C-alpha atoms as a PDB file:
ATOM      1  CA  MET A   1    -100.979-165.227  32.944  1.00  0.00           C
ATOM      2  CA  GLY A   2    -100.560-166.352  29.467  1.00  0.00           C
ATOM      3  CA  ASN A   3     -98.442-164.802  26.804  1.00  0.00           C
ATOM      4  CA  ARG A   4    -100.334-162.021  25.134  1.00  0.00           C
ATOM      5  CA  ASP A   5     -99.146-160.274  22.066  1.00  0.00           C
ATOM      6  CA  ASP A   6    -101.665-157.465  22.148  1.00  0.00           C
ATOM      7  CA  TRP A   7    -100.255-155.662  25.215  1.00  0.00           C
ATOM      8  CA  TRP A   8     -98.191-153.438  22.985  1.00  0.00           C
ATOM      9  CA  GLU A   9    -101.209-152.242  21.186  1.00  0.00           C
ATOM     10  CA  GLU A  10    -103.233-151.631  24.372  1.00  0.00           C
ATOM     11  CA  LYS A  11    -100.616-149.797  26.342  1.00  0.00           C
ATOM     12  CA  GLY A  12     -98.560-148.482  23.499  1.00  0.00           C
ATOM     13  CA  PRO A  13     -94.813-148.499  23.381  1.00  0.00           C
ATOM     14  CA  PRO A  14     -92.936-147.485  26.537  1.00  0.00           C
ATOM     15  CA  ALA A  15     -92.463-143.824  27.218  1.00  0.00           C
ATOM     16  CA  TRP A  16     -88.678-143.994  26.883  1.00  0.00           C
ATOM     17  CA  HIS A  17     -89.091-145.291  23.381  1.00  0.00           C
ATOM     18  CA  LEU A  18     -91.282-142.472  22.222  1.00  0.00           C
ATOM     19  CA  ALA A  19     -89.603-139.285  20.918  1.00  0.00           C
ATOM     20  CA  PRO A  20     -91.513-136.042  21.090  1.00  0.00           C
ATOM     21  CA  PRO A  21     -92.960-135.040  17.773  1.00  0.00           C
ATOM     22  CA  PRO A  22     -90.901-132.483  15.908  1.00  0.00           C
ATOM     23  CA  PRO A  23     -92.126-128.959  16.412  1.00  0.00           C
ATOM     24  CA  THR A  24     -94.264-127.677  13.676  1.00  0.00           C
ATOM     25  CA  ALA A  25     -92.527-124.825  11.879  1.00  0.00           C
ATOM     26  CA  SER A  26     -94.617-121.744  11.989  1.00  0.00           C
ATOM     27  CA  PRO A  27     -94.916-119.899   8.729  1.00  0.00           C
ATOM     28  CA  PRO A  28     -92.429-117.026   8.501  1.00  0.00           C
ATOM     29  CA  THR A  29     -93.855-113.745   9.469  1.00  0.00           C
ATOM     30  CA  THR A  30     -93.306-110.988   6.944  1.00  0.00           C
ATOM     31  CA  ALA A  31     -93.739-107.297   7.531  1.00  0.00           C
ATOM     32  CA  THR A  32     -96.663-105.926   5.718  1.00  0.00           C
ATOM     33  CA  THR A  33     -95.437-103.494   3.076  1.00  0.00           C
ATOM     34  CA  VAL A  34     -97.644-100.521   2.501  1.00  0.00           C
ATOM     35  CA  PRO A  35     -97.582 -99.620  -1.167  1.00  0.00           C
ATOM     36  CA  ASP A  36     -96.114 -96.150  -1.869  1.00  0.00           C
ATOM     37  CA  ARG A  37     -98.894 -94.052  -3.299  1.00  0.00           C
ATOM     38  CA  THR A  38     -96.629 -90.949  -3.844  1.00  0.00           C
ATOM     39  CA  PRO A  39     -96.525 -90.129  -7.552  1.00  0.00           C
ATOM     40  CA  ALA A  40     -93.032 -90.318  -9.045  1.00  0.00           C
ATOM     41  CA  ARG A  41     -91.507 -86.928  -9.795  1.00  0.00           C
ATOM     42  CA  PRO A  42     -90.525 -86.346 -13.378  1.00  0.00           C
ATOM     43  CA  ARG A  43     -86.752 -86.260 -13.825  1.00  0.00           C
ATOM     44  CA  ARG A  44     -85.425 -82.861 -14.633  1.00  0.00           C
ATOM     45  CA  ARG A  45     -83.625 -82.451 -17.893  1.00  0.00           C
ATOM     46  CA  THR A  46     -80.628 -80.634 -16.408  1.00  0.00           C
ATOM     47  CA  TRP A  47     -78.061 -81.109 -19.137  1.00  0.00           C
ATOM     48  CA  PRO A  48     -80.181 -79.735 -22.004  1.00  0.00           C
ATOM     49  CA  LEU A  49     -80.919 -76.624 -19.906  1.00  0.00           C
ATOM     50  CA  VAL A  50     -77.249 -76.124 -19.096  1.00  0.00           C
ATOM     51  CA  ALA A  51     -76.379 -76.525 -22.764  1.00  0.00           C
ATOM     52  CA  VAL A  52     -78.950 -73.876 -23.741  1.00  0.00           C
ATOM     53  CA  ILE A  53     -77.621 -71.439 -21.133  1.00  0.00           C
ATOM     54  CA  ALA A  54     -74.042 -72.034 -22.277  1.00  0.00           C
ATOM     55  CA  ALA A  55     -75.025 -71.493 -25.908  1.00  0.00           C
ATOM     56  CA  LEU A  56     -76.793 -68.227 -25.024  1.00  0.00           C
ATOM     57  CA  ALA A  57     -73.758 -67.077 -23.032  1.00  0.00           C
ATOM     58  CA  LEU A  58     -71.431 -67.815 -25.945  1.00  0.00           C
ATOM     59  CA  THR A  59     -73.756 -66.023 -28.335  1.00  0.00           C
ATOM     60  CA  SER A  60     -73.940 -62.976 -26.050  1.00  0.00           C
ATOM     61  CA  ALA A  61     -70.153 -62.961 -25.656  1.00  0.00           C
ATOM     62  CA  GLY A  62     -69.736 -63.155 -29.426  1.00  0.00           C
ATOM     63  CA  ILE A  63     -72.155 -60.272 -29.977  1.00  0.00           C
ATOM     64  CA  TRP A  64     -70.411 -58.182 -27.301  1.00  0.00           C
ATOM     65  CA  GLN A  65     -66.974 -58.915 -28.764  1.00  0.00           C
ATOM     66  CA  HIS A  66     -68.192 -58.033 -32.247  1.00  0.00           C
ATOM     67  CA  ALA A  67     -69.580 -54.736 -30.924  1.00  0.00           C
ATOM     68  CA  GLN A  68     -66.296 -53.974 -29.188  1.00  0.00           C
ATOM     69  CA  ASP A  69     -64.286 -54.757 -32.316  1.00  0.00           C
ATOM     70  CA  GLN A  70     -66.596 -52.603 -34.398  1.00  0.00           C
ATOM     71  CA  ARG A  71     -66.307 -49.732 -31.925  1.00  0.00           C
ATOM     72  CA  ARG A  72     -62.492 -49.945 -31.956  1.00  0.00           C
ATOM     73  CA  ALA A  73     -62.489 -50.048 -35.744  1.00  0.00           C
ATOM     74  CA  GLU A  74     -64.681 -46.929 -35.866  1.00  0.00           C
ATOM     75  CA  GLU A  75     -62.374 -45.157 -33.400  1.00  0.00           C
ATOM     76  CA  ARG A  76     -59.345 -46.033 -35.526  1.00  0.00           C
ATOM     77  CA  GLU A  77     -61.109 -44.736 -38.621  1.00  0.00           C
ATOM     78  CA  GLN A  78     -62.033 -41.511 -36.853  1.00  0.00           C
ATOM     79  CA  LYS A  79     -58.458 -41.026 -35.630  1.00  0.00           C
ATOM     80  CA  ALA A  80     -57.064 -41.725 -39.067  1.00  0.00           C
ATOM     81  CA  ALA A  81     -59.483 -39.251 -40.644  1.00  0.00           C
ATOM     82  CA  ALA A  82     -58.638 -36.553 -38.084  1.00  0.00           C
ATOM     83  CA  TYR A  83     -54.874 -37.127 -38.163  1.00  0.00           C
ATOM     84  CA  LYS A  84     -52.820 -34.174 -39.378  1.00  0.00           C
ATOM     85  CA  GLY A  85     -49.487 -34.937 -37.746  1.00  0.00           C
ATOM     86  CA  VAL A  86     -48.958 -31.356 -36.624  1.00  0.00           C
ATOM     87  CA  SER A  87     -50.201 -28.912 -34.008  1.00  0.00           C
ATOM     88  CA  ALA A  88     -49.144 -25.317 -33.355  1.00  0.00           C
ATOM     89  CA  THR A  89     -50.254 -22.388 -31.251  1.00  0.00           C
ATOM     90  CA  THR A  90     -49.042 -19.037 -29.929  1.00  0.00           C
ATOM     91  CA  LEU A  91     -48.742 -18.199 -26.261  1.00  0.00           C
ATOM     92  CA  SER A  92     -47.438 -15.458 -24.039  1.00  0.00           C
ATOM     93  CA  VAL A  93     -45.091 -16.256 -21.160  1.00  0.00           C
ATOM     94  CA  ASP A  94     -43.893 -13.398 -18.959  1.00  0.00           C
ATOM     95  CA  GLY A  95     -44.815 -10.968 -21.701  1.00  0.00           C
ATOM     96  CA  VAL A  96     -42.844 -12.852 -24.356  1.00  0.00           C
ATOM     97  CA  SER A  97     -44.799 -13.955 -27.426  1.00  0.00           C
ATOM     98  CA  ILE A  98     -43.850 -17.506 -28.398  1.00  0.00           C
ATOM     99  CA  GLU A  99     -44.800 -19.761 -31.286  1.00  0.00           C
ATOM    100  CA  ALA A 100     -44.904 -23.393 -30.118  1.00  0.00           C
ATOM    101  CA  GLY A 101     -45.592 -26.525 -32.110  1.00  0.00           C
ATOM    102  CA  ALA A 102     -45.319 -30.282 -32.407  1.00  0.00           C
ATOM    103  CA  LYS A 103     -44.758 -32.446 -35.458  1.00  0.00           C
ATOM    104  CA  TRP A 104     -45.105 -36.234 -35.413  1.00  0.00           C
ATOM    105  CA  ASN A 105     -42.685 -38.383 -37.360  1.00  0.00           C
ATOM    106  CA  ASP A 106     -44.167 -40.403 -40.222  1.00  0.00           C
ATOM    107  CA  SER A 107     -43.089 -43.623 -38.527  1.00  0.00           C
ATOM    108  CA  GLY A 108     -45.176 -42.762 -35.468  1.00  0.00           C
ATOM    109  CA  ARG A 109     -42.231 -43.333 -33.133  1.00  0.00           C
ATOM    110  CA  SER A 110     -41.243 -39.757 -32.279  1.00  0.00           C
ATOM    111  CA  ALA A 111     -42.422 -36.162 -32.257  1.00  0.00           C
ATOM    112  CA  VAL A 112     -40.447 -32.934 -32.572  1.00  0.00           C
ATOM    113  CA  LEU A 113     -41.426 -30.150 -30.162  1.00  0.00           C
ATOM    114  CA  SER A 114     -40.174 -26.663 -30.901  1.00  0.00           C
ATOM    115  CA  VAL A 115     -40.580 -22.954 -30.197  1.00  0.00           C
ATOM    116  CA  TRP A 116     -39.768 -19.821 -32.159  1.00  0.00           C
ATOM    117  CA  VAL A 117     -39.295 -16.389 -30.594  1.00  0.00           C
ATOM    118  CA  SER A 118     -38.723 -13.209 -32.562  1.00  0.00           C
ATOM    119  CA  SER A 119     -35.681 -11.177 -31.686  1.00  0.00           C
ATOM    120  CA  ARG A 120     -37.985  -8.198 -31.197  1.00  0.00           C
ATOM    121  CA  GLU A 121     -39.283  -9.836 -28.019  1.00  0.00           C
ATOM    122  CA  LYS A 122     -35.812  -9.515 -26.444  1.00  0.00           C
ATOM    123  CA  PRO A 123     -36.271 -12.320 -23.875  1.00  0.00           C
ATOM    124  CA  SER A 124     -33.525 -12.922 -21.333  1.00  0.00           C
ATOM    125  CA  LEU A 125     -34.276 -16.668 -21.239  1.00  0.00           C
ATOM    126  CA  VAL A 126     -36.262 -19.230 -23.237  1.00  0.00           C
ATOM    127  CA  ARG A 127     -36.383 -22.914 -22.315  1.00  0.00           C
ATOM    128  CA  ILE A 128     -38.447 -25.937 -23.358  1.00  0.00           C
ATOM    129  CA  GLU A 129     -38.776 -29.279 -21.562  1.00  0.00           C
ATOM    130  CA  SER A 130     -40.527 -32.561 -22.361  1.00  0.00           C
ATOM    131  CA  GLY A 131     -39.793 -35.594 -20.205  1.00  0.00           C
ATOM    132  CA  ASP A 132     -36.036 -35.701 -19.785  1.00  0.00           C
ATOM    133  CA  ARG A 133     -35.365 -33.627 -22.918  1.00  0.00           C
ATOM    134  CA  THR A 134     -34.445 -29.963 -22.459  1.00  0.00           C
ATOM    135  CA  ALA A 135     -33.268 -27.117 -24.684  1.00  0.00           C
ATOM    136  CA  GLN A 136     -32.707 -23.500 -23.709  1.00  0.00           C
ATOM    137  CA  GLU A 137     -31.083 -20.291 -24.796  1.00  0.00           C
ATOM    138  CA  ALA A 138     -30.100 -17.151 -22.940  1.00  0.00           C
ATOM    139  CA  PRO A 139     -29.486 -14.528 -25.624  1.00  0.00           C
ATOM    140  CA  ARG A 140     -26.391 -12.386 -25.401  1.00  0.00           C
ATOM    141  CA  PRO A 141     -26.536  -8.584 -25.594  1.00  0.00           C
ATOM    142  CA  SER A 142     -27.365  -7.348 -29.059  1.00  0.00           C
ATOM    143  CA  GLU A 143     -24.441  -7.161 -31.406  1.00  0.00           C
ATOM    144  CA  PRO A 144     -24.138  -5.249 -34.676  1.00  0.00           C
ATOM    145  CA  GLY A 145     -25.805  -7.018 -37.526  1.00  0.00           C
ATOM    146  CA  ILE A 146     -29.143  -8.699 -38.141  1.00  0.00           C
ATOM    147  CA  PRO A 147     -30.671 -10.002 -34.905  1.00  0.00           C
ATOM    148  CA  MET A 148     -31.558 -13.700 -35.052  1.00  0.00           C
ATOM    149  CA  PRO A 149     -34.712 -15.288 -33.649  1.00  0.00           C
ATOM    150  CA  ILE A 150     -34.533 -17.971 -30.992  1.00  0.00           C
ATOM    151  CA  THR A 151     -35.378 -21.466 -32.222  1.00  0.00           C
ATOM    152  CA  LEU A 152     -35.352 -24.444 -29.861  1.00  0.00           C
ATOM    153  CA  GLU A 153     -36.466 -28.025 -30.366  1.00  0.00           C
ATOM    154  CA  VAL A 154     -36.430 -31.433 -28.681  1.00  0.00           C
ATOM    155  CA  THR A 155     -37.365 -34.847 -30.039  1.00  0.00           C
ATOM    156  CA  VAL A 156     -39.392 -37.149 -27.789  1.00  0.00           C
ATOM    157  CA  PRO A 157     -40.452 -40.792 -28.265  1.00  0.00           C
ATOM    158  CA  VAL A 158     -44.130 -41.722 -28.690  1.00  0.00           C
ATOM    159  CA  GLN A 159     -45.961 -45.044 -28.821  1.00  0.00           C
ATOM    160  CA  ASP A 160     -47.874 -44.122 -31.960  1.00  0.00           C
ATOM    161  CA  ARG A 161     -48.674 -41.082 -34.047  1.00  0.00           C
ATOM    162  CA  TYR A 162     -51.940 -40.513 -32.156  1.00  0.00           C
ATOM    163  CA  GLN A 163     -50.294 -40.098 -28.754  1.00  0.00           C
ATOM    164  CA  PRO A 164     -50.489 -36.516 -27.433  1.00  0.00           C
ATOM    165  CA  VAL A 165     -47.274 -34.868 -26.246  1.00  0.00           C
ATOM    166  CA  ARG A 166     -46.625 -32.192 -23.645  1.00  0.00           C
ATOM    167  CA  MET A 167     -44.081 -29.402 -23.604  1.00  0.00           C
ATOM    168  CA  LYS A 168     -43.244 -27.019 -20.773  1.00  0.00           C
ATOM    169  CA  VAL A 169     -42.330 -23.598 -22.132  1.00  0.00           C
ATOM    170  CA  SER A 170     -40.414 -21.220 -19.829  1.00  0.00           C
ATOM    171  CA  ALA A 171     -39.497 -17.636 -20.595  1.00  0.00           C
ATOM    172  CA  ARG A 172     -38.292 -14.495 -18.904  1.00  0.00           C
ATOM    173  CA  GLY A 173     -38.692 -10.996 -20.279  1.00  0.00           C
ATOM    174  CA  PRO A 174     -35.921  -8.456 -20.708  1.00  0.00           C
ATOM    175  CA  LEU A 175     -35.733  -7.896 -16.952  1.00  0.00           C
ATOM    176  CA  ARG A 176     -33.508 -10.468 -15.292  1.00  0.00           C
ATOM    177  CA  GLY A 177     -34.428  -9.769 -11.700  1.00  0.00           C
ATOM    178  CA  HIS A 178     -37.069 -12.460 -11.360  1.00  0.00           C
ATOM    179  CA  GLN A 179     -37.558 -16.164 -11.983  1.00  0.00           C
ATOM    180  CA  ALA A 180     -38.748 -17.348 -15.387  1.00  0.00           C
ATOM    181  CA  ARG A 181     -42.452 -18.020 -15.844  1.00  0.00           C
ATOM    182  CA  HIS A 182     -43.741 -21.135 -17.594  1.00  0.00           C
ATOM    183  CA  ARG A 183     -46.742 -22.787 -19.236  1.00  0.00           C
ATOM    184  CA  THR A 184     -47.347 -26.420 -20.238  1.00  0.00           C
ATOM    185  CA  ILE A 185     -49.035 -27.196 -23.539  1.00  0.00           C
ATOM    186  CA  GLU A 186     -50.503 -30.527 -24.628  1.00  0.00           C
ATOM    187  CA  PHE A 187     -50.399 -31.067 -28.373  1.00  0.00           C
ATOM    188  CA  HIS A 188     -52.591 -33.517 -30.292  1.00  0.00           C
ATOM    189  CA  SER A 189     -51.914 -34.802 -33.782  1.00  0.00           C
ATOM    190  CA  ASP A 190     -55.379 -33.778 -35.015  1.00  0.00           C
ATOM    191  CA  ARG A 191     -54.204 -30.140 -35.023  1.00  0.00           C
ATOM    192  CA  THR A 192     -55.446 -29.248 -31.547  1.00  0.00           C
ATOM    193  CA  ALA A 193     -53.652 -27.996 -28.435  1.00  0.00           C
ATOM    194  CA  PHE A 194     -54.694 -27.459 -24.816  1.00  0.00           C
ATOM    195  CA  ASP A 195     -53.393 -25.639 -21.782  1.00  0.00           C
ATOM    196  CA  ALA A 196     -52.402 -28.540 -19.506  1.00  0.00           C
ATOM    197  CA  LYS A 197     -53.250 -26.595 -16.332  1.00  0.00           C
ATOM    198  CA  THR A 198     -56.661 -25.184 -17.232  1.00  0.00           C
ATOM    199  CA  GLY A 199     -57.725 -27.586 -19.975  1.00  0.00           C
ATOM    200  CA  ALA A 200     -58.591 -24.633 -22.208  1.00  0.00           C
ATOM    201  CA  LYS A 201     -58.364 -25.260 -25.922  1.00  0.00           C
ATOM    202  CA  LEU A 202     -55.802 -23.069 -27.611  1.00  0.00           C
ATOM    203  CA  LYS A 203     -56.253 -21.493 -31.004  1.00  0.00           C
ATOM    204  CA  GLN A 204     -54.259 -23.154 -33.740  1.00  0.00           C
ATOM    205  CA  TYR A 205     -51.615 -21.182 -35.541  1.00  0.00           C
ATOM    206  CA  TYR A 206     -49.992 -22.165 -38.804  1.00  0.00           C
ATOM    207  CA  SER A 207     -46.503 -21.627 -37.528  1.00  0.00           C
ATOM    208  CA  ARG A 208     -43.373 -21.281 -39.609  1.00  0.00           C
ATOM    209  CA  LEU A 209     -42.092 -24.172 -37.505  1.00  0.00           C
ATOM    210  CA  LEU A 210     -44.318 -26.550 -39.413  1.00  0.00           C
END
């Protein structure tokens, strides 16, 4: 056997010398993306709508407030036009004829309530009450001379000169054997008066008290 140099080429290099070929990298697989065919929704203009609603609300509130202010102003004008500051009426309590009235102070902080009873009525008791204010008189037997009428009054506080005031008027006739009767009158400064129990409007009387 001679030395041959071509054995390498015929048989190739020994197996231990050969390294396996590097694996071929497969192309990365990517998920197929299906294009979204849904049409895009238009974005709502929320803030402009809210601003419009708020502006309308403010406008409505302003109109309502203006109407309320105008109504109050008209009521004040009507009260001022109707204001007289006095109210008087006549009533009968247990057969006793009584003149009753109210007069509001110019400052609008008080009102004077009063009654006047002629001596000819000969009552055995006359009393007036308003809140915690009371005045009464029990006439004595007639004495020689000119008989004097009964005049009673109380002063009560009020919030303003338009506030109505009430007075309870009690009286007892000449007979003393029974309890005094009473009536409650509500006076208004527009020269009106009402029976507090029935709500009936009482006829005005231009009393000497006023």
